[in-house]
Amino acid sequence: MAQFAGQTFSGFSVPLIFEDRVFIRESAGSSLITVVRDVDGEPIFEILKNEPRATEWSVAATDPAGVVTLTEKASGRFLYRLHPGTETTIFFKRPDDEEFSVVITNEEIQVGGMIFNNHPFRAAMAGVLIDPEIEVGMMDPPVPALINEWLS
């Protein structure tokens, strides 16, 4: 269990990191996803347990099925789309505007043709890092110190 920014998180899995966003899936059997950013050392939640939060940088829209789409407030640029569920799918765009997806289940994280085991996160473990060019890998060194501190 971890507590940061007044929120309690229990039994979360390996974090997924895309650009400066950390995607956290809570406890096995749950479909709760939280998206947090580090802004000057402070956690800023864009999505907290599947519920979008207002930020000064992004705009969130939720459809009746619970799909959350985030765009950049200043430019309207698409940031990501989150389809929460037992099999959570997150859609991102590459610089060439082509969309790609990440699928997260209790057992695995799938990005393109790569599959990573998904298991409970413990401090100093690696996270899955994706850059906009869809290069994927386990983080080395492990999760950034501040994120690790929040999740420990």
Foldseek 3Di string as FASTA:
>chain_A
DFDDPRDDAPQWKFWEDEDQWTWIAGHAPAQFIWIWGQDVLHTDTQAGRLRGDDDPFWDWDADPQSKIWIAGPPPRHTAWIWRTDQWIKIWGAAPVRDIFIWTDHCAWIDGPPDIDGMGGDDAQAWHWYAYSVRDIDTDVRHDPPSVSVRVD
